[in-house]
C-alpha atoms as a PDB file:
ATOM      1  CA  MET A   1       0.000   0.000   0.000  1.00  0.00           C
ATOM      2  CA  ARG A   2       1.288   3.472  -0.911  1.00  0.00           C
ATOM      3  CA  PHE A   3       2.127   5.882   1.869  1.00  0.00           C
ATOM      4  CA  SER A   4      -0.170   8.799   2.612  1.00  0.00           C
ATOM      5  CA  SER A   5       0.586  12.206   1.128  1.00  0.00           C
ATOM      6  CA  LYS A   6       1.178  13.579   4.630  1.00  0.00           C
ATOM      7  CA  ASN A   7       3.796  10.933   5.434  1.00  0.00           C
ATOM      8  CA  LEU A   8       5.530  11.351   2.084  1.00  0.00           C
ATOM      9  CA  ALA A   9       5.655  15.127   2.533  1.00  0.00           C
ATOM     10  CA  THR A  10       7.321  14.665   5.941  1.00  0.00           C
ATOM     11  CA  PHE A  11       9.823  12.110   4.628  1.00  0.00           C
ATOM     12  CA  TYR A  12      10.875  14.137   1.589  1.00  0.00           C
ATOM     13  CA  TYR A  13      11.123  17.340   3.641  1.00  0.00           C
ATOM     14  CA  GLN A  14      13.359  15.761   6.265  1.00  0.00           C
ATOM     15  CA  LEU A  15      15.537  14.018   3.691  1.00  0.00           C
ATOM     16  CA  GLY A  16      15.768  17.094   1.449  1.00  0.00           C
ATOM     17  CA  THR A  17      16.666  19.365   4.376  1.00  0.00           C
ATOM     18  CA  LEU A  18      19.489  17.041   5.477  1.00  0.00           C
ATOM     19  CA  VAL A  19      20.872  16.716   1.947  1.00  0.00           C
ATOM     20  CA  LYS A  20      20.690  20.497   1.495  1.00  0.00           C
ATOM     21  CA  ALA A  21      22.674  20.884   4.750  1.00  0.00           C
ATOM     22  CA  GLY A  22      25.485  18.898   3.165  1.00  0.00           C
ATOM     23  CA  LEU A  23      24.949  15.376   4.522  1.00  0.00           C
ATOM     24  CA  PRO A  24      25.611  12.483   2.138  1.00  0.00           C
ATOM     25  CA  ILE A  25      22.463  10.609   1.166  1.00  0.00           C
ATOM     26  CA  GLN A  26      23.613   7.564   3.194  1.00  0.00           C
ATOM     27  CA  SER A  27      23.852   9.634   6.395  1.00  0.00           C
ATOM     28  CA  ALA A  28      20.601  11.473   5.642  1.00  0.00           C
ATOM     29  CA  LEU A  29      18.707   8.193   5.243  1.00  0.00           C
ATOM     30  CA  ALA A  30      20.273   6.799   8.415  1.00  0.00           C
ATOM     31  CA  THR A  31      19.082   9.873  10.325  1.00  0.00           C
ATOM     32  CA  THR A  32      15.539   9.827   8.939  1.00  0.00           C
ATOM     33  CA  GLN A  33      15.060   6.174   9.872  1.00  0.00           C
ATOM     34  CA  ASN A  34      14.184   7.268  13.393  1.00  0.00           C
ATOM     35  CA  THR A  35      12.356  10.518  12.637  1.00  0.00           C
ATOM     36  CA  VAL A  36       9.924   9.687   9.820  1.00  0.00           C
ATOM     37  CA  PRO A  37       6.379   8.477  10.643  1.00  0.00           C
ATOM     38  CA  ARG A  38       6.412   4.950  12.086  1.00  0.00           C
ATOM     39  CA  ARG A  39       4.645   3.376   9.106  1.00  0.00           C
ATOM     40  CA  MET A  40       7.483   4.487   6.846  1.00  0.00           C
ATOM     41  CA  ARG A  41      10.405   3.357   8.986  1.00  0.00           C
ATOM     42  CA  PRO A  42      10.718  -0.220   7.624  1.00  0.00           C
ATOM     43  CA  ALA A  43      10.710   1.120   4.051  1.00  0.00           C
ATOM     44  CA  VAL A  44      13.268   3.829   4.899  1.00  0.00           C
ATOM     45  CA  ARG A  45      15.500   1.226   6.561  1.00  0.00           C
ATOM     46  CA  ALA A  46      15.317  -0.858   3.374  1.00  0.00           C
ATOM     47  CA  LEU A  47      16.178   2.225   1.292  1.00  0.00           C
ATOM     48  CA  SER A  48      19.114   2.993   3.578  1.00  0.00           C
ATOM     49  CA  ALA A  49      20.453  -0.568   3.305  1.00  0.00           C
ATOM     50  CA  SER A  50      20.198  -0.509  -0.506  1.00  0.00           C
ATOM     51  CA  VAL A  51      21.913   2.873  -0.792  1.00  0.00           C
ATOM     52  CA  ASN A  52      24.683   1.740   1.562  1.00  0.00           C
ATOM     53  CA  GLU A  53      25.296  -1.137  -0.849  1.00  0.00           C
ATOM     54  CA  GLY A  54      26.068   1.421  -3.540  1.00  0.00           C
ATOM     55  CA  ARG A  55      22.727   1.707  -5.342  1.00  0.00           C
ATOM     56  CA  PRO A  56      21.374   5.163  -6.277  1.00  0.00           C
ATOM     57  CA  LEU A  57      18.335   6.312  -4.333  1.00  0.00           C
ATOM     58  CA  HIS A  58      15.939   6.047  -7.286  1.00  0.00           C
ATOM     59  CA  GLU A  59      17.014   2.447  -7.955  1.00  0.00           C
ATOM     60  CA  ALA A  60      16.505   1.598  -4.283  1.00  0.00           C
ATOM     61  CA  MET A  61      13.009   3.099  -4.526  1.00  0.00           C
ATOM     62  CA  GLU A  62      12.222   0.929  -7.553  1.00  0.00           C
ATOM     63  CA  SER A  63      12.340  -2.086  -5.230  1.00  0.00           C
ATOM     64  CA  SER A  64       9.150  -0.721  -3.621  1.00  0.00           C
ATOM     65  CA  PRO A  65       7.015   0.435  -6.582  1.00  0.00           C
ATOM     66  CA  LYS A  66       3.827   0.224  -4.521  1.00  0.00           C
ATOM     67  CA  ARG A  67       5.300   2.529  -1.879  1.00  0.00           C
ATOM     68  CA  PHE A  68       6.799   5.236  -4.085  1.00  0.00           C
ATOM     69  CA  SER A  69       5.093   6.465  -7.252  1.00  0.00           C
ATOM     70  CA  SER A  70       6.770   6.491 -10.662  1.00  0.00           C
ATOM     71  CA  LEU A  71       6.727  10.315 -10.580  1.00  0.00           C
ATOM     72  CA  ASP A  72       8.785  10.266  -7.354  1.00  0.00           C
ATOM     73  CA  ARG A  73      11.275   7.774  -8.767  1.00  0.00           C
ATOM     74  CA  TYR A  74      11.592   9.629 -12.058  1.00  0.00           C
ATOM     75  CA  ALA A  75      12.101  13.040 -10.407  1.00  0.00           C
ATOM     76  CA  ILE A  76      14.801  11.638  -8.125  1.00  0.00           C
ATOM     77  CA  ALA A  77      16.428   9.748 -10.995  1.00  0.00           C
ATOM     78  CA  MET A  78      16.776  13.026 -12.876  1.00  0.00           C
ATOM     79  CA  SER A  79      17.839  15.205  -9.949  1.00  0.00           C
ATOM     80  CA  GLU A  80      20.289  12.766  -8.347  1.00  0.00           C
ATOM     81  CA  PRO A  81      22.989  12.743 -11.077  1.00  0.00           C
ATOM     82  CA  SER A  82      22.691  16.510 -11.633  1.00  0.00           C
ATOM     83  CA  GLY A  83      23.520  17.368  -8.026  1.00  0.00           C
ATOM     84  CA  ALA A  84      20.078  18.857  -7.421  1.00  0.00           C
ATOM     85  CA  LEU A  85      18.784  16.031  -5.230  1.00  0.00           C
ATOM     86  CA  ASP A  86      17.886  18.409  -2.397  1.00  0.00           C
ATOM     87  CA  ALA A  87      15.756  20.554  -4.745  1.00  0.00           C
ATOM     88  CA  GLY A  88      14.029  17.458  -6.096  1.00  0.00           C
ATOM     89  CA  LEU A  89      13.260  16.122  -2.627  1.00  0.00           C
ATOM     90  CA  LEU A  90      11.973  19.457  -1.305  1.00  0.00           C
ATOM     91  CA  SER A  91       9.814  19.947  -4.414  1.00  0.00           C
ATOM     92  CA  LEU A  92       8.313  16.493  -3.872  1.00  0.00           C
ATOM     93  CA  SER A  93       7.654  17.468  -0.254  1.00  0.00           C
ATOM     94  CA  LYS A  94       5.740  20.565  -1.374  1.00  0.00           C
ATOM     95  CA  TYR A  95       3.845  18.491  -3.949  1.00  0.00           C
ATOM     96  CA  TYR A  96       2.609  16.007  -1.323  1.00  0.00           C
ATOM     97  CA  GLU A  97       2.037  18.703   1.279  1.00  0.00           C
ATOM     98  CA  ASP A  98      -0.462  20.383  -1.062  1.00  0.00           C
ATOM     99  CA  ARG A  99      -2.216  17.075  -1.707  1.00  0.00           C
ATOM    100  CA  ALA A 100      -2.491  16.331   2.014  1.00  0.00           C
ATOM    101  CA  ALA A 101      -3.787  19.841   2.774  1.00  0.00           C
ATOM    102  CA  ALA A 102      -6.496  19.601   0.104  1.00  0.00           C
ATOM    103  CA  ARG A 103      -7.649  16.208   1.316  1.00  0.00           C
ATOM    104  CA  SER A 104      -7.729  17.269   4.981  1.00  0.00           C
ATOM    105  CA  LYS A 105      -9.695  20.429   4.260  1.00  0.00           C
ATOM    106  CA  LEU A 106     -12.246  18.582   2.150  1.00  0.00           C
ATOM    107  CA  ILE A 107     -12.739  15.915   4.831  1.00  0.00           C
ATOM    108  CA  ALA A 108     -13.040  18.552   7.573  1.00  0.00           C
ATOM    109  CA  GLY A 109     -15.554  20.484   5.500  1.00  0.00           C
ATOM    110  CA  SER A 110     -17.634  17.331   4.958  1.00  0.00           C
ATOM    111  CA  ILE A 111     -18.096  16.497   8.652  1.00  0.00           C
ATOM    112  CA  TYR A 112     -20.675  19.203   9.457  1.00  0.00           C
ATOM    113  CA  PRO A 113     -22.866  18.505   6.371  1.00  0.00           C
ATOM    114  CA  MET A 114     -22.813  14.777   7.183  1.00  0.00           C
ATOM    115  CA  VAL A 115     -23.904  15.491  10.771  1.00  0.00           C
ATOM    116  CA  LEU A 116     -26.682  17.752   9.452  1.00  0.00           C
ATOM    117  CA  LEU A 117     -27.842  15.136   6.987  1.00  0.00           C
ATOM    118  CA  THR A 118     -27.837  12.404   9.628  1.00  0.00           C
ATOM    119  CA  ALA A 119     -29.807  14.565  12.068  1.00  0.00           C
ATOM    120  CA  GLY A 120     -32.222  15.566   9.314  1.00  0.00           C
ATOM    121  CA  VAL A 121     -32.959  11.911   8.576  1.00  0.00           C
ATOM    122  CA  PHE A 122     -33.236  10.643  12.160  1.00  0.00           C
ATOM    123  CA  ILE A 123     -35.170  13.480  13.842  1.00  0.00           C
ATOM    124  CA  PRO A 124     -38.347  13.966  11.708  1.00  0.00           C
ATOM    125  CA  PRO A 125     -39.690  10.382  12.106  1.00  0.00           C
ATOM    126  CA  LEU A 126     -39.297  10.589  15.912  1.00  0.00           C
ATOM    127  CA  LEU A 127     -42.736  12.241  16.293  1.00  0.00           C
ATOM    128  CA  ALA A 128     -44.411   9.421  14.398  1.00  0.00           C
ATOM    129  CA  LEU A 129     -42.550   6.920  16.619  1.00  0.00           C
ATOM    130  CA  PHE A 130     -43.716   8.648  19.824  1.00  0.00           C
ATOM    131  CA  LEU A 131     -47.307   8.869  18.545  1.00  0.00           C
ATOM    132  CA  GLY A 132     -47.303   5.170  17.759  1.00  0.00           C
ATOM    133  CA  LYS A 133     -47.585   5.698  14.023  1.00  0.00           C
ATOM    134  CA  LEU A 134     -44.290   3.847  13.534  1.00  0.00           C
ATOM    135  CA  THR A 135     -42.823   0.781  15.191  1.00  0.00           C
ATOM    136  CA  VAL A 136     -39.168   0.764  16.214  1.00  0.00           C
ATOM    137  CA  LEU A 137     -38.335  -1.344  13.181  1.00  0.00           C
ATOM    138  CA  GLY A 138     -40.318   1.005  10.965  1.00  0.00           C
ATOM    139  CA  TYR A 139     -38.472   3.977  12.427  1.00  0.00           C
ATOM    140  CA  LEU A 140     -35.091   2.352  11.826  1.00  0.00           C
ATOM    141  CA  TRP A 141     -36.053   1.425   8.267  1.00  0.00           C
ATOM    142  CA  GLN A 142     -37.211   4.960   7.577  1.00  0.00           C
ATOM    143  CA  SER A 143     -34.136   6.642   9.092  1.00  0.00           C
ATOM    144  CA  ALA A 144     -31.110   4.334   9.244  1.00  0.00           C
ATOM    145  CA  GLY A 145     -32.384   2.428   6.225  1.00  0.00           C
ATOM    146  CA  LEU A 146     -32.604   5.638   4.209  1.00  0.00           C
ATOM    147  CA  LEU A 147     -29.048   6.606   5.155  1.00  0.00           C
ATOM    148  CA  ALA A 148     -27.853   3.115   4.240  1.00  0.00           C
ATOM    149  CA  ARG A 149     -29.575   3.303   0.857  1.00  0.00           C
ATOM    150  CA  LEU A 150     -28.095   6.748   0.213  1.00  0.00           C
ATOM    151  CA  ALA A 151     -24.643   5.448   1.177  1.00  0.00           C
ATOM    152  CA  VAL A 152     -24.995   2.485  -1.185  1.00  0.00           C
ATOM    153  CA  VAL A 153     -26.119   4.735  -4.048  1.00  0.00           C
ATOM    154  CA  GLY A 154     -23.242   7.136  -3.371  1.00  0.00           C
ATOM    155  CA  TRP A 155     -20.767   4.264  -3.245  1.00  0.00           C
ATOM    156  CA  LEU A 156     -22.084   2.800  -6.511  1.00  0.00           C
ATOM    157  CA  ILE A 157     -21.823   6.190  -8.238  1.00  0.00           C
ATOM    158  CA  ALA A 158     -18.264   6.629  -6.951  1.00  0.00           C
ATOM    159  CA  VAL A 159     -17.292   3.143  -8.153  1.00  0.00           C
ATOM    160  CA  LEU A 160     -18.847   3.696 -11.582  1.00  0.00           C
ATOM    161  CA  VAL A 161     -17.078   7.055 -11.968  1.00  0.00           C
ATOM    162  CA  ARG A 162     -13.753   5.591 -10.821  1.00  0.00           C
ATOM    163  CA  ARG A 163     -14.086   2.606 -13.164  1.00  0.00           C
ATOM    164  CA  SER A 164     -15.094   4.796 -16.102  1.00  0.00           C
ATOM    165  CA  LEU A 165     -11.999   6.953 -15.525  1.00  0.00           C
ATOM    166  CA  GLU A 166      -9.896   3.829 -16.062  1.00  0.00           C
ATOM    167  CA  VAL A 167     -11.476   2.800 -19.378  1.00  0.00           C
ATOM    168  CA  PRO A 168      -9.625   4.222 -22.415  1.00  0.00           C
ATOM    169  CA  GLY A 169     -11.875   6.516 -24.452  1.00  0.00           C
ATOM    170  CA  LEU A 170     -14.634   6.597 -21.867  1.00  0.00           C
ATOM    171  CA  ASN A 171     -12.289   8.138 -19.284  1.00  0.00           C
ATOM    172  CA  VAL A 172     -11.867  11.350 -21.302  1.00  0.00           C
ATOM    173  CA  THR A 173     -15.636  11.725 -21.720  1.00  0.00           C
ATOM    174  CA  MET A 174     -16.202  11.185 -18.007  1.00  0.00           C
ATOM    175  CA  ASP A 175     -13.443  13.676 -17.188  1.00  0.00           C
ATOM    176  CA  ARG A 176     -15.190  16.282 -19.365  1.00  0.00           C
ATOM    177  CA  ILE A 177     -18.493  15.604 -17.595  1.00  0.00           C
ATOM    178  CA  LEU A 178     -16.874  15.973 -14.174  1.00  0.00           C
ATOM    179  CA  ARG A 179     -15.204  19.201 -15.270  1.00  0.00           C
ATOM    180  CA  ALA A 180     -18.643  20.637 -16.085  1.00  0.00           C
ATOM    181  CA  VAL A 181     -19.973  19.975 -12.556  1.00  0.00           C
ATOM    182  CA  PRO A 182     -20.441  23.350 -10.801  1.00  0.00           C
ATOM    183  CA  VAL A 183     -17.846  24.247  -8.139  1.00  0.00           C
ATOM    184  CA  PHE A 184     -16.530  20.679  -7.725  1.00  0.00           C
ATOM    185  CA  GLY A 185     -15.556  20.411 -11.403  1.00  0.00           C
ATOM    186  CA  ARG A 186     -13.493  23.580 -11.264  1.00  0.00           C
ATOM    187  CA  LEU A 187     -11.824  22.473  -8.024  1.00  0.00           C
ATOM    188  CA  ARG A 188     -10.898  19.142  -9.543  1.00  0.00           C
ATOM    189  CA  PHE A 189      -9.501  20.583 -12.775  1.00  0.00           C
ATOM    190  CA  ASP A 190      -7.645  23.486 -11.125  1.00  0.00           C
ATOM    191  CA  TYR A 191      -6.048  21.052  -8.705  1.00  0.00           C
ATOM    192  CA  ALA A 192      -5.021  18.782 -11.596  1.00  0.00           C
ATOM    193  CA  LEU A 193      -3.467  21.729 -13.465  1.00  0.00           C
ATOM    194  CA  SER A 194      -1.633  22.812 -10.311  1.00  0.00           C
ATOM    195  CA  GLN A 195      -0.143  19.339  -9.853  1.00  0.00           C
ATOM    196  CA  TRP A 196       0.664  19.037 -13.572  1.00  0.00           C
ATOM    197  CA  VAL A 197       2.512  22.370 -13.668  1.00  0.00           C
ATOM    198  CA  SER A 198       4.306  21.552 -10.404  1.00  0.00           C
ATOM    199  CA  ALA A 199       5.452  18.198 -11.817  1.00  0.00           C
ATOM    200  CA  ILE A 200       6.843  19.891 -14.948  1.00  0.00           C
ATOM    201  CA  ARG A 201       8.607  22.501 -12.835  1.00  0.00           C
ATOM    202  CA  LEU A 202       9.980  19.809 -10.526  1.00  0.00           C
ATOM    203  CA  MET A 203      11.568  17.986 -13.471  1.00  0.00           C
ATOM    204  CA  LEU A 204      12.908  21.221 -14.970  1.00  0.00           C
ATOM    205  CA  ARG A 205      14.676  21.901 -11.677  1.00  0.00           C
ATOM    206  CA  ALA A 206      16.066  18.379 -11.834  1.00  0.00           C
ATOM    207  CA  GLY A 207      17.746  19.232 -15.140  1.00  0.00           C
ATOM    208  CA  ILE A 208      15.212  17.674 -17.527  1.00  0.00           C
ATOM    209  CA  GLY A 209      14.356  19.510 -20.739  1.00  0.00           C
ATOM    210  CA  ILE A 210      10.954  21.118 -21.102  1.00  0.00           C
ATOM    211  CA  VAL A 211       9.702  18.731 -23.797  1.00  0.00           C
ATOM    212  CA  PRO A 212      10.527  15.454 -21.966  1.00  0.00           C
ATOM    213  CA  ALA A 213       9.298  17.013 -18.701  1.00  0.00           C
ATOM    214  CA  LEU A 214       6.001  17.937 -20.368  1.00  0.00           C
ATOM    215  CA  GLU A 215       5.681  14.471 -21.864  1.00  0.00           C
ATOM    216  CA  TYR A 216       6.310  12.618 -18.616  1.00  0.00           C
ATOM    217  CA  ALA A 217       4.142  14.903 -16.472  1.00  0.00           C
ATOM    218  CA  SER A 218       1.277  14.571 -18.966  1.00  0.00           C
ATOM    219  CA  ARG A 219       1.661  10.814 -19.180  1.00  0.00           C
ATOM    220  CA  MET A 220       1.605  10.535 -15.395  1.00  0.00           C
ATOM    221  CA  ALA A 221      -1.254  13.034 -14.947  1.00  0.00           C
ATOM    222  CA  HIS A 222      -4.180  11.688 -12.905  1.00  0.00           C
ATOM    223  CA  ARG A 223      -6.648  13.469 -15.197  1.00  0.00           C
ATOM    224  CA  PRO A 224      -7.358  11.676 -18.505  1.00  0.00           C
ATOM    225  CA  LEU A 225      -8.348  14.998 -20.113  1.00  0.00           C
ATOM    226  CA  ILE A 226      -4.837  16.428 -19.619  1.00  0.00           C
ATOM    227  CA  ALA A 227      -3.155  13.235 -20.845  1.00  0.00           C
ATOM    228  CA  ALA A 228      -5.418  13.126 -23.924  1.00  0.00           C
ATOM    229  CA  ALA A 229      -4.762  16.812 -24.649  1.00  0.00           C
ATOM    230  CA  TYR A 230      -1.018  16.183 -24.604  1.00  0.00           C
ATOM    231  CA  ARG A 231      -1.382  13.203 -26.962  1.00  0.00           C
ATOM    232  CA  LYS A 232      -3.283  15.459 -29.341  1.00  0.00           C
ATOM    233  CA  ALA A 233      -0.667  18.230 -29.123  1.00  0.00           C
ATOM    234  CA  SER A 234       2.485  16.085 -29.096  1.00  0.00           C
ATOM    235  CA  PRO A 235       2.810  15.577 -32.890  1.00  0.00           C
ATOM    236  CA  SER A 236       3.073  19.361 -33.333  1.00  0.00           C
ATOM    237  CA  ILE A 237       5.507  19.976 -30.464  1.00  0.00           C
ATOM    238  CA  GLY A 238       9.037  20.549 -31.668  1.00  0.00           C
ATOM    239  CA  GLY A 239       7.834  20.767 -35.230  1.00  0.00           C
ATOM    240  CA  GLU A 240       5.847  23.552 -36.811  1.00  0.00           C
ATOM    241  CA  LEU A 241       4.398  24.824 -33.524  1.00  0.00           C
ATOM    242  CA  GLU A 242       5.768  26.091 -30.241  1.00  0.00           C
ATOM    243  CA  VAL A 243       4.667  24.177 -27.141  1.00  0.00           C
ATOM    244  CA  SER A 244       2.268  26.965 -26.157  1.00  0.00           C
ATOM    245  CA  GLN A 245       0.663  26.942 -29.610  1.00  0.00           C
ATOM    246  CA  ALA A 246       0.367  23.151 -29.605  1.00  0.00           C
ATOM    247  CA  LEU A 247      -1.276  23.194 -26.172  1.00  0.00           C
ATOM    248  CA  ALA A 248      -3.636  25.985 -27.260  1.00  0.00           C
ATOM    249  CA  SER A 249      -4.749  23.901 -30.263  1.00  0.00           C
ATOM    250  CA  THR A 250      -6.225  21.247 -27.953  1.00  0.00           C
ATOM    251  CA  GLY A 251      -8.862  23.600 -26.503  1.00  0.00           C
ATOM    252  CA  VAL A 252      -8.366  22.060 -23.056  1.00  0.00           C
ATOM    253  CA  PHE A 253      -5.896  24.373 -21.348  1.00  0.00           C
ATOM    254  CA  PRO A 254      -7.074  27.805 -20.101  1.00  0.00           C
ATOM    255  CA  ASP A 255      -5.976  30.998 -21.869  1.00  0.00           C
ATOM    256  CA  GLU A 256      -3.902  32.272 -18.945  1.00  0.00           C
ATOM    257  CA  LEU A 257      -1.872  29.056 -18.908  1.00  0.00           C
ATOM    258  CA  ILE A 258      -1.128  29.424 -22.620  1.00  0.00           C
ATOM    259  CA  GLN A 259      -0.169  33.083 -22.150  1.00  0.00           C
ATOM    260  CA  PHE A 260       2.188  32.323 -19.265  1.00  0.00           C
ATOM    261  CA  TRP A 261       3.741  29.479 -21.242  1.00  0.00           C
ATOM    262  CA  ALA A 262       4.227  31.636 -24.335  1.00  0.00           C
ATOM    263  CA  THR A 263       5.840  34.369 -22.208  1.00  0.00           C
ATOM    264  CA  GLY A 264       8.250  31.815 -20.740  1.00  0.00           C
ATOM    265  CA  GLU A 265       9.186  30.580 -24.207  1.00  0.00           C
ATOM    266  CA  LYS A 266       9.886  34.085 -25.526  1.00  0.00           C
ATOM    267  CA  SER A 267      11.744  35.339 -22.441  1.00  0.00           C
ATOM    268  CA  GLY A 268      13.758  32.187 -21.821  1.00  0.00           C
ATOM    269  CA  HIS A 269      12.648  32.154 -18.168  1.00  0.00           C
ATOM    270  CA  MET A 270      10.449  29.073 -18.350  1.00  0.00           C
ATOM    271  CA  ASP A 271      11.153  27.989 -14.783  1.00  0.00           C
ATOM    272  CA  GLU A 272      10.054  31.377 -13.457  1.00  0.00           C
ATOM    273  CA  MET A 273       6.863  31.324 -15.521  1.00  0.00           C
ATOM    274  CA  LEU A 274       6.062  27.793 -14.360  1.00  0.00           C
ATOM    275  CA  GLU A 275       6.548  28.877 -10.754  1.00  0.00           C
ATOM    276  CA  ARG A 276       4.075  31.711 -11.284  1.00  0.00           C
ATOM    277  CA  LEU A 277       1.660  29.338 -13.002  1.00  0.00           C
ATOM    278  CA  ALA A 278       1.943  26.866 -10.131  1.00  0.00           C
ATOM    279  CA  ASN A 279       1.184  29.666  -7.668  1.00  0.00           C
ATOM    280  CA  VAL A 280      -1.773  30.884  -9.752  1.00  0.00           C
ATOM    281  CA  TYR A 281      -3.404  27.444  -9.930  1.00  0.00           C
ATOM    282  CA  GLU A 282      -2.587  26.632  -6.335  1.00  0.00           C
ATOM    283  CA  GLU A 283      -4.418  29.804  -5.307  1.00  0.00           C
ATOM    284  CA  ARG A 284      -7.305  28.966  -7.656  1.00  0.00           C
ATOM    285  CA  TRP A 285      -7.841  25.440  -6.386  1.00  0.00           C
ATOM    286  CA  ARG A 286      -7.636  26.679  -2.808  1.00  0.00           C
ATOM    287  CA  ARG A 287     -10.394  29.226  -3.578  1.00  0.00           C
ATOM    288  CA  SER A 288     -12.384  26.492  -5.309  1.00  0.00           C
ATOM    289  CA  LEU A 289     -11.886  24.281  -2.272  1.00  0.00           C
ATOM    290  CA  ASP A 290     -13.213  27.039  -0.024  1.00  0.00           C
ATOM    291  CA  GLN A 291     -16.255  27.372  -2.295  1.00  0.00           C
ATOM    292  CA  THR A 292     -16.809  23.609  -2.227  1.00  0.00           C
ATOM    293  CA  VAL A 293     -16.627  23.527   1.568  1.00  0.00           C
ATOM    294  CA  THR A 294     -19.079  26.470   1.655  1.00  0.00           C
ATOM    295  CA  TRP A 295     -21.537  24.680  -0.636  1.00  0.00           C
ATOM    296  CA  LEU A 296     -21.502  21.326   1.157  1.00  0.00           C
ATOM    297  CA  PRO A 297     -23.742  22.500   4.059  1.00  0.00           C
ATOM    298  CA  ARG A 298     -26.074  24.158   1.535  1.00  0.00           C
ATOM    299  CA  ILE A 299     -26.400  20.877  -0.339  1.00  0.00           C
ATOM    300  CA  ALA A 300     -27.113  19.129   2.963  1.00  0.00           C
ATOM    301  CA  TYR A 301     -29.776  21.744   3.816  1.00  0.00           C
ATOM    302  CA  GLY A 302     -31.338  21.219   0.395  1.00  0.00           C
ATOM    303  CA  LEU A 303     -31.474  17.441   0.806  1.00  0.00           C
ATOM    304  CA  ILE A 304     -32.947  17.806   4.290  1.00  0.00           C
ATOM    305  CA  LEU A 305     -35.564  20.243   2.988  1.00  0.00           C
ATOM    306  CA  LEU A 306     -36.590  17.829   0.232  1.00  0.00           C
ATOM    307  CA  TYR A 307     -36.818  15.025   2.781  1.00  0.00           C
ATOM    308  CA  MET A 308     -38.927  17.179   5.131  1.00  0.00           C
ATOM    309  CA  ILE A 309     -41.284  18.117   2.286  1.00  0.00           C
ATOM    310  CA  ALA A 310     -41.656  14.432   1.413  1.00  0.00           C
ATOM    311  CA  GLN A 311     -42.392  13.653   5.072  1.00  0.00           C
ATOM    312  CA  ILE A 312     -44.995  16.449   5.258  1.00  0.00           C
ATOM    313  CA  PHE A 313     -46.789  15.186   2.147  1.00  0.00           C
ATOM    314  CA  SER A 314     -46.661  11.640   3.510  1.00  0.00           C
ATOM    315  CA  LEU A 315     -48.123  12.763   6.839  1.00  0.00           C
ATOM    316  CA  PHE A 316     -50.748  14.854   5.046  1.00  0.00           C
ATOM    317  CA  GLY A 317     -51.737  11.834   2.972  1.00  0.00           C
ATOM    318  CA  THR A 318     -52.079   9.708   6.133  1.00  0.00           C
ATOM    319  CA  VAL A 319     -54.280  12.349   7.811  1.00  0.00           C
ATOM    320  CA  MET A 320     -56.514  12.630   4.733  1.00  0.00           C
ATOM    321  CA  ASN A 321     -56.906   8.868   4.573  1.00  0.00           C
ATOM    322  CA  GLN A 322     -57.932   8.793   8.233  1.00  0.00           C
ATOM    323  CA  TYR A 323     -60.352  11.680   7.606  1.00  0.00           C
ATOM    324  CA  ASP A 324     -61.920   9.763   4.719  1.00  0.00           C
ATOM    325  CA  GLU A 325     -62.290   6.709   6.944  1.00  0.00           C
ATOM    326  CA  LEU A 326     -64.165   8.770   9.561  1.00  0.00           C
ATOM    327  CA  LEU A 327     -66.580  10.107   6.930  1.00  0.00           C
ATOM    328  CA  LYS A 328     -67.528   6.631   5.779  1.00  0.00           C
END
């Protein structure tokens, strides 16, 4: 099982800081064995043993492909020979720190809406239970049963979306549909662009050329839409079109990204432009995340309101039926 983003951010930060301070990688790994999160210590000890045997760090990491992603191994493989290992490690730390922060904020923002939704489902049928209109089993079926059914439906939707994102051809269509979802779609795509730009910048700092960095980052992108856009643009890159023009021809990448990229190409300061782009999209996905967290309680209120209206109509129907029985 792969390590969490939070643990990876801690590991790469500690290792990068020690290497930047001038410690050899063997000594840095030996030191971090006792300071990284406990779940990572066996893997770090294995890395340390392999490096002490004379293997480069990226080759030692290849022995644990399920622990360390191919992006991590590739970035370290490029930065290690160039003498920029500390920059590569610290950039990876920032990359995983952002991922962990986004996940934590989204989970924290989901707790209150879930509590609201649970209360909204369990409280309304209590009156019917106290009045004897519902048995205990009926109450549980109407409340806990409803939550269980909603959870199953949500799980099935999540599984179908996840599976469809793994099917070639269908994954791009599903990615486009998800991008069109209000608030959440923008958050998802802005976050993907932020990580994509950061990965390209990370490899540039490791001494990789812009074209191979773009290719690898696009190939490893978690969003099929970005990977498909690169495949569409790649035949024109290095040929009759500049990279910015080739990316613009796909119709996927936003105008400001193309403008920043074109400015970097003309000025020769591509790394600086990518840093600005990374900052722009990091700020955008953070704003989108704030909007998503703001909308989650509103969605919960809306679902509760619909449920209450359904309960009112159901109760009204029961009263009318009893009234009709009395008139007979």
